[in-house]
PDB file of all heavy atoms in Angstrom:
ATOM      1  N   SER A   1     117.107 146.151  77.056  1.00  0.00           N
ATOM      2  CA  SER A   1     117.518 146.120  78.446  1.00  0.00           C
ATOM      3  C   SER A   1     116.285 145.841  79.332  1.00  0.00           C
ATOM      4  O   SER A   1     115.375 146.643  79.362  1.00  0.00           O
ATOM      5  CB  SER A   1     118.199 147.439  78.857  1.00  0.00           C
ATOM      6  OG  SER A   1     118.525 147.409  80.227  1.00  0.00           O
ATOM      7  N   VAL A   2     116.287 144.685  79.979  1.00  0.00           N
ATOM      8  CA  VAL A   2     115.103 144.295  80.766  1.00  0.00           C
ATOM      9  C   VAL A   2     115.297 144.531  82.227  1.00  0.00           C
ATOM     10  O   VAL A   2     116.420 144.568  82.722  1.00  0.00           O
ATOM     11  CB  VAL A   2     114.706 142.826  80.508  1.00  0.00           C
ATOM     12  CG1 VAL A   2     114.317 142.601  79.040  1.00  0.00           C
ATOM     13  CG2 VAL A   2     115.852 141.929  80.850  1.00  0.00           C
ATOM     14  N   ASP A   3     114.195 144.678  82.943  1.00  0.00           N
ATOM     15  CA  ASP A   3     114.216 144.847  84.376  1.00  0.00           C
ATOM     16  C   ASP A   3     114.775 143.565  85.036  1.00  0.00           C
ATOM     17  O   ASP A   3     114.347 142.451  84.681  1.00  0.00           O
ATOM     18  CB  ASP A   3     112.782 145.081  84.891  1.00  0.00           C
ATOM     19  CG  ASP A   3     112.712 145.630  86.302  1.00  0.00           C
ATOM     20  OD1 ASP A   3     113.650 145.333  87.074  1.00  0.00           O
ATOM     21  OD2 ASP A   3     111.757 146.312  86.649  1.00  0.00           O
ATOM     22  N   GLU A   4     115.716 143.719  85.957  1.00  0.00           N
ATOM     23  CA  GLU A   4     116.293 142.555  86.639  1.00  0.00           C
ATOM     24  C   GLU A   4     115.219 141.785  87.418  1.00  0.00           C
ATOM     25  O   GLU A   4     115.274 140.552  87.590  1.00  0.00           O
ATOM     26  CB  GLU A   4     117.448 142.965  87.541  1.00  0.00           C
ATOM     27  CG  GLU A   4     118.670 143.371  86.769  1.00  0.00           C
ATOM     28  CD  GLU A   4     119.859 143.556  87.680  1.00  0.00           C
ATOM     29  OE1 GLU A   4     119.748 143.220  88.849  1.00  0.00           O
ATOM     30  OE2 GLU A   4     120.906 144.078  87.203  1.00  0.00           O
ATOM     31  N   LYS A   5     114.220 142.533  87.926  1.00  0.00           N
ATOM     32  CA  LYS A   5     113.119 141.886  88.658  1.00  0.00           C
ATOM     33  C   LYS A   5     112.132 141.381  87.612  1.00  0.00           C
ATOM     34  O   LYS A   5     111.521 142.142  86.912  1.00  0.00           O
ATOM     35  CB  LYS A   5     112.444 142.860  89.600  1.00  0.00           C
ATOM     36  CG  LYS A   5     111.283 142.279  90.394  1.00  0.00           C
ATOM     37  CD  LYS A   5     110.620 143.316  91.255  1.00  0.00           C
ATOM     38  CE  LYS A   5     109.415 142.721  91.973  1.00  0.00           C
ATOM     39  NZ  LYS A   5     108.662 143.736  92.795  1.00  0.00           N
ATOM     40  N   ARG A   6     112.002 140.062  87.529  1.00  0.00           N
ATOM     41  CA  ARG A   6     111.162 139.480  86.480  1.00  0.00           C
ATOM     42  C   ARG A   6     109.697 139.331  86.867  1.00  0.00           C
ATOM     43  O   ARG A   6     108.778 139.657  86.084  1.00  0.00           O
ATOM     44  CB  ARG A   6     111.720 138.058  86.095  1.00  0.00           C
ATOM     45  CG  ARG A   6     110.821 137.310  85.096  1.00  0.00           C
ATOM     46  CD  ARG A   6     110.763 137.992  83.765  1.00  0.00           C
ATOM     47  NE  ARG A   6     109.837 137.406  82.868  1.00  0.00           N
ATOM     48  CZ  ARG A   6     108.604 137.744  82.685  1.00  0.00           C
ATOM     49  NH1 ARG A   6     108.077 138.756  83.412  1.00  0.00           N
ATOM     50  NH2 ARG A   6     107.800 137.168  81.793  1.00  0.00           N
ATOM     51  N   LEU A   7     109.410 138.892  88.119  1.00  0.00           N
ATOM     52  CA  LEU A   7     108.049 138.540  88.512  1.00  0.00           C
ATOM     53  C   LEU A   7     107.554 139.521  89.581  1.00  0.00           C
ATOM     54  O   LEU A   7     108.314 140.007  90.423  1.00  0.00           O
ATOM     55  CB  LEU A   7     107.970 137.161  89.018  1.00  0.00           C
ATOM     56  CG  LEU A   7     108.279 136.038  88.049  1.00  0.00           C
ATOM     57  CD1 LEU A   7     108.213 134.680  88.750  1.00  0.00           C
ATOM     58  CD2 LEU A   7     107.310 136.047  86.885  1.00  0.00           C
ATOM     59  N   PHE A   8     106.255 139.745  89.570  1.00  0.00           N
ATOM     60  CA  PHE A   8     105.601 140.467  90.651  1.00  0.00           C
ATOM     61  C   PHE A   8     105.504 139.492  91.845  1.00  0.00           C
ATOM     62  O   PHE A   8     105.340 138.320  91.698  1.00  0.00           O
ATOM     63  CB  PHE A   8     104.218 140.951  90.265  1.00  0.00           C
ATOM     64  CG  PHE A   8     104.249 142.039  89.202  1.00  0.00           C
ATOM     65  CD1 PHE A   8     103.909 141.732  87.864  1.00  0.00           C
ATOM     66  CD2 PHE A   8     104.560 143.333  89.525  1.00  0.00           C
ATOM     67  CE1 PHE A   8     103.918 142.698  86.905  1.00  0.00           C
ATOM     68  CE2 PHE A   8     104.561 144.321  88.573  1.00  0.00           C
ATOM     69  CZ  PHE A   8     104.273 144.003  87.250  1.00  0.00           C
ATOM     70  N   THR A   9     105.606 140.063  93.079  1.00  0.00           N
ATOM     71  CA  THR A   9     105.566 139.278  94.285  1.00  0.00           C
ATOM     72  C   THR A   9     104.137 139.226  94.837  1.00  0.00           C
ATOM     73  O   THR A   9     103.246 139.948  94.355  1.00  0.00           O
ATOM     74  CB  THR A   9     106.465 139.863  95.345  1.00  0.00           C
ATOM     75  OG1 THR A   9     105.994 141.166  95.725  1.00  0.00           O
ATOM     76  CG2 THR A   9     107.898 140.014  94.839  1.00  0.00           C
ATOM     77  N   ILE A  10     103.952 138.380  95.853  1.00  0.00           N
ATOM     78  CA  ILE A  10     102.642 138.316  96.509  1.00  0.00           C
ATOM     79  C   ILE A  10     102.310 139.658  97.126  1.00  0.00           C
ATOM     80  O   ILE A  10     101.187 140.098  97.120  1.00  0.00           O
ATOM     81  CB  ILE A  10     102.669 137.172  97.595  1.00  0.00           C
ATOM     82  CG1 ILE A  10     102.798 135.837  96.917  1.00  0.00           C
ATOM     83  CG2 ILE A  10     101.416 137.264  98.485  1.00  0.00           C
ATOM     84  CD1 ILE A  10     102.975 134.677  97.895  1.00  0.00           C
ATOM     85  N   ASP A  11     103.339 140.324  97.693  1.00  0.00           N
ATOM     86  CA  ASP A  11     103.100 141.619  98.288  1.00  0.00           C
ATOM     87  C   ASP A  11     102.692 142.632  97.178  1.00  0.00           C
ATOM     88  O   ASP A  11     101.840 143.529  97.464  1.00  0.00           O
ATOM     89  CB  ASP A  11     104.380 142.143  98.985  1.00  0.00           C
ATOM     90  CG  ASP A  11     104.679 141.387 100.262  1.00  0.00           C
ATOM     91  OD1 ASP A  11     103.693 140.823 100.842  1.00  0.00           O
ATOM     92  OD2 ASP A  11     105.793 141.322 100.699  1.00  0.00           O
ATOM     93  N   ASP A  12     103.300 142.556  96.024  1.00  0.00           N
ATOM     94  CA  ASP A  12     102.861 143.407  94.907  1.00  0.00           C
ATOM     95  C   ASP A  12     101.408 143.227  94.593  1.00  0.00           C
ATOM     96  O   ASP A  12     100.649 144.172  94.376  1.00  0.00           O
ATOM     97  CB  ASP A  12     103.703 143.122  93.640  1.00  0.00           C
ATOM     98  CG  ASP A  12     105.157 143.563  93.762  1.00  0.00           C
ATOM     99  OD1 ASP A  12     105.429 144.482  94.551  1.00  0.00           O
ATOM    100  OD2 ASP A  12     105.997 142.983  93.096  1.00  0.00           O
ATOM    101  N   LYS A  13     100.974 141.954  94.555  1.00  0.00           N
ATOM    102  CA  LYS A  13      99.552 141.650  94.249  1.00  0.00           C
ATOM    103  C   LYS A  13      98.642 142.201  95.297  1.00  0.00           C
ATOM    104  O   LYS A  13      97.582 142.765  94.991  1.00  0.00           O
ATOM    105  CB  LYS A  13      99.369 140.161  94.083  1.00  0.00           C
ATOM    106  CG  LYS A  13      97.958 139.783  93.636  1.00  0.00           C
ATOM    107  CD  LYS A  13      97.808 138.257  93.357  1.00  0.00           C
ATOM    108  CE  LYS A  13      96.408 137.983  92.860  1.00  0.00           C
ATOM    109  NZ  LYS A  13      96.223 136.515  92.584  1.00  0.00           N
ATOM    110  N   ARG A  14      99.018 142.059  96.594  1.00  0.00           N
ATOM    111  CA  ARG A  14      98.189 142.559  97.662  1.00  0.00           C
ATOM    112  C   ARG A  14      98.027 144.097  97.545  1.00  0.00           C
ATOM    113  O   ARG A  14      96.933 144.620  97.732  1.00  0.00           O
ATOM    114  CB  ARG A  14      98.831 142.243  99.023  1.00  0.00           C
ATOM    115  CG  ARG A  14      98.753 140.779  99.402  1.00  0.00           C
ATOM    116  CD  ARG A  14      99.079 140.635 100.884  1.00  0.00           C
ATOM    117  NE  ARG A  14      99.208 139.221 101.256  1.00  0.00           N
ATOM    118  CZ  ARG A  14     100.359 138.631 101.507  1.00  0.00           C
ATOM    119  NH1 ARG A  14     101.467 139.302 101.435  1.00  0.00           N
ATOM    120  NH2 ARG A  14     100.404 137.341 101.841  1.00  0.00           N
ATOM    121  N   GLU A  15      99.122 144.770  97.177  1.00  0.00           N
ATOM    122  CA  GLU A  15      99.088 146.230  97.060  1.00  0.00           C
ATOM    123  C   GLU A  15      98.218 146.651  95.888  1.00  0.00           C
ATOM    124  O   GLU A  15      97.417 147.598  95.969  1.00  0.00           O
ATOM    125  CB  GLU A  15     100.513 146.784  96.889  1.00  0.00           C
ATOM    126  CG  GLU A  15     100.591 148.283  97.044  1.00  0.00           C
ATOM    127  CD  GLU A  15     102.017 148.797  97.146  1.00  0.00           C
ATOM    128  OE1 GLU A  15     102.932 148.008  97.431  1.00  0.00           O
ATOM    129  OE2 GLU A  15     102.179 150.031  96.892  1.00  0.00           O
ATOM    130  N   LEU A  16      98.342 145.920  94.788  1.00  0.00           N
ATOM    131  CA  LEU A  16      97.518 146.250  93.589  1.00  0.00           C
ATOM    132  C   LEU A  16      96.029 145.993  93.851  1.00  0.00           C
ATOM    133  O   LEU A  16      95.195 146.768  93.458  1.00  0.00           O
ATOM    134  CB  LEU A  16      97.978 145.420  92.384  1.00  0.00           C
ATOM    135  CG  LEU A  16      97.307 145.749  91.028  1.00  0.00           C
ATOM    136  CD1 LEU A  16      97.496 147.229  90.691  1.00  0.00           C
ATOM    137  CD2 LEU A  16      97.845 144.864  89.949  1.00  0.00           C
ATOM    138  N   LEU A  17      95.741 144.916  94.577  1.00  0.00           N
ATOM    139  CA  LEU A  17      94.353 144.618  94.950  1.00  0.00           C
ATOM    140  C   LEU A  17      93.785 145.713  95.868  1.00  0.00           C
ATOM    141  O   LEU A  17      92.616 146.093  95.708  1.00  0.00           O
ATOM    142  CB  LEU A  17      94.275 143.254  95.655  1.00  0.00           C
ATOM    143  CG  LEU A  17      94.431 142.049  94.781  1.00  0.00           C
ATOM    144  CD1 LEU A  17      94.637 140.760  95.651  1.00  0.00           C
ATOM    145  CD2 LEU A  17      93.216 141.820  93.858  1.00  0.00           C
ATOM    146  N   ALA A  18      94.600 146.181  96.763  1.00  0.00           N
ATOM    147  CA  ALA A  18      94.176 147.266  97.662  1.00  0.00           C
ATOM    148  C   ALA A  18      93.858 148.539  96.916  1.00  0.00           C
ATOM    149  O   ALA A  18      92.979 149.304  97.345  1.00  0.00           O
ATOM    150  CB  ALA A  18      95.281 147.523  98.710  1.00  0.00           C
ATOM    151  N   GLN A  19      94.521 148.701  95.756  1.00  0.00           N
ATOM    152  CA  GLN A  19      94.291 149.924  94.964  1.00  0.00           C
ATOM    153  C   GLN A  19      93.138 149.733  93.989  1.00  0.00           C
ATOM    154  O   GLN A  19      92.698 150.704  93.315  1.00  0.00           O
ATOM    155  CB  GLN A  19      95.547 150.280  94.193  1.00  0.00           C
ATOM    156  CG  GLN A  19      96.738 150.637  95.039  1.00  0.00           C
ATOM    157  CD  GLN A  19      98.023 150.858  94.221  1.00  0.00           C
ATOM    158  OE1 GLN A  19      97.942 150.836  92.995  1.00  0.00           O
ATOM    159  NE2 GLN A  19      99.137 151.005  94.876  1.00  0.00           N
ATOM    160  N   SER A  20      92.633 148.520  93.855  1.00  0.00           N
ATOM    161  CA  SER A  20      91.636 148.238  92.837  1.00  0.00           C
ATOM    162  C   SER A  20      90.218 148.176  93.456  1.00  0.00           C
ATOM    163  O   SER A  20      90.043 147.881  94.607  1.00  0.00           O
ATOM    164  CB  SER A  20      91.903 146.834  92.226  1.00  0.00           C
ATOM    165  OG  SER A  20      93.191 146.802  91.645  1.00  0.00           O
ATOM    166  N   GLN A  21      89.252 148.521  92.629  1.00  0.00           N
ATOM    167  CA  GLN A  21      87.837 148.500  93.055  1.00  0.00           C
ATOM    168  C   GLN A  21      87.370 147.059  93.166  1.00  0.00           C
ATOM    169  O   GLN A  21      87.711 146.211  92.356  1.00  0.00           O
ATOM    170  CB  GLN A  21      86.976 149.259  92.050  1.00  0.00           C
ATOM    171  CG  GLN A  21      85.491 149.307  92.414  1.00  0.00           C
ATOM    172  CD  GLN A  21      84.690 150.003  91.307  1.00  0.00           C
ATOM    173  OE1 GLN A  21      85.219 150.443  90.317  1.00  0.00           O
ATOM    174  NE2 GLN A  21      83.367 150.067  91.516  1.00  0.00           N
ATOM    175  N   SER A  22      86.571 146.797  94.207  1.00  0.00           N
ATOM    176  CA  SER A  22      86.019 145.426  94.388  1.00  0.00           C
ATOM    177  C   SER A  22      84.538 145.477  94.596  1.00  0.00           C
ATOM    178  O   SER A  22      83.983 146.483  95.021  1.00  0.00           O
ATOM    179  CB  SER A  22      86.693 144.744  95.583  1.00  0.00           C
ATOM    180  OG  SER A  22      86.357 145.403  96.778  1.00  0.00           O
ATOM    181  N   GLU A  23      83.884 144.377  94.217  1.00  0.00           N
ATOM    182  CA  GLU A  23      82.448 144.223  94.392  1.00  0.00           C
ATOM    183  C   GLU A  23      82.155 142.859  94.961  1.00  0.00           C
ATOM    184  O   GLU A  23      82.511 141.854  94.340  1.00  0.00           O
ATOM    185  CB  GLU A  23      81.674 144.392  93.092  1.00  0.00           C
ATOM    186  CG  GLU A  23      81.635 145.846  92.597  1.00  0.00           C
ATOM    187  CD  GLU A  23      80.710 145.998  91.398  1.00  0.00           C
ATOM    188  OE1 GLU A  23      79.983 145.039  91.080  1.00  0.00           O
ATOM    189  OE2 GLU A  23      80.719 147.073  90.793  1.00  0.00           O
ATOM    190  N   ASN A  24      81.621 142.825  96.144  1.00  0.00           N
ATOM    191  CA  ASN A  24      81.322 141.542  96.820  1.00  0.00           C
ATOM    192  C   ASN A  24      82.531 140.634  96.952  1.00  0.00           C
ATOM    193  O   ASN A  24      82.431 139.429  96.729  1.00  0.00           O
ATOM    194  CB  ASN A  24      80.186 140.809  96.104  1.00  0.00           C
ATOM    195  CG  ASN A  24      78.878 141.659  96.090  1.00  0.00           C
ATOM    196  OD1 ASN A  24      78.518 142.254  97.080  1.00  0.00           O
ATOM    197  ND2 ASN A  24      78.225 141.650  94.907  1.00  0.00           N
TER     198      ASN A  24
END
């Protein structure tokens, strides 16, 4: 049984980036 939502969205990526450590 798979998730009906197949792909991550642009908003999902923005949120994950905001939670991730960055350097320069």
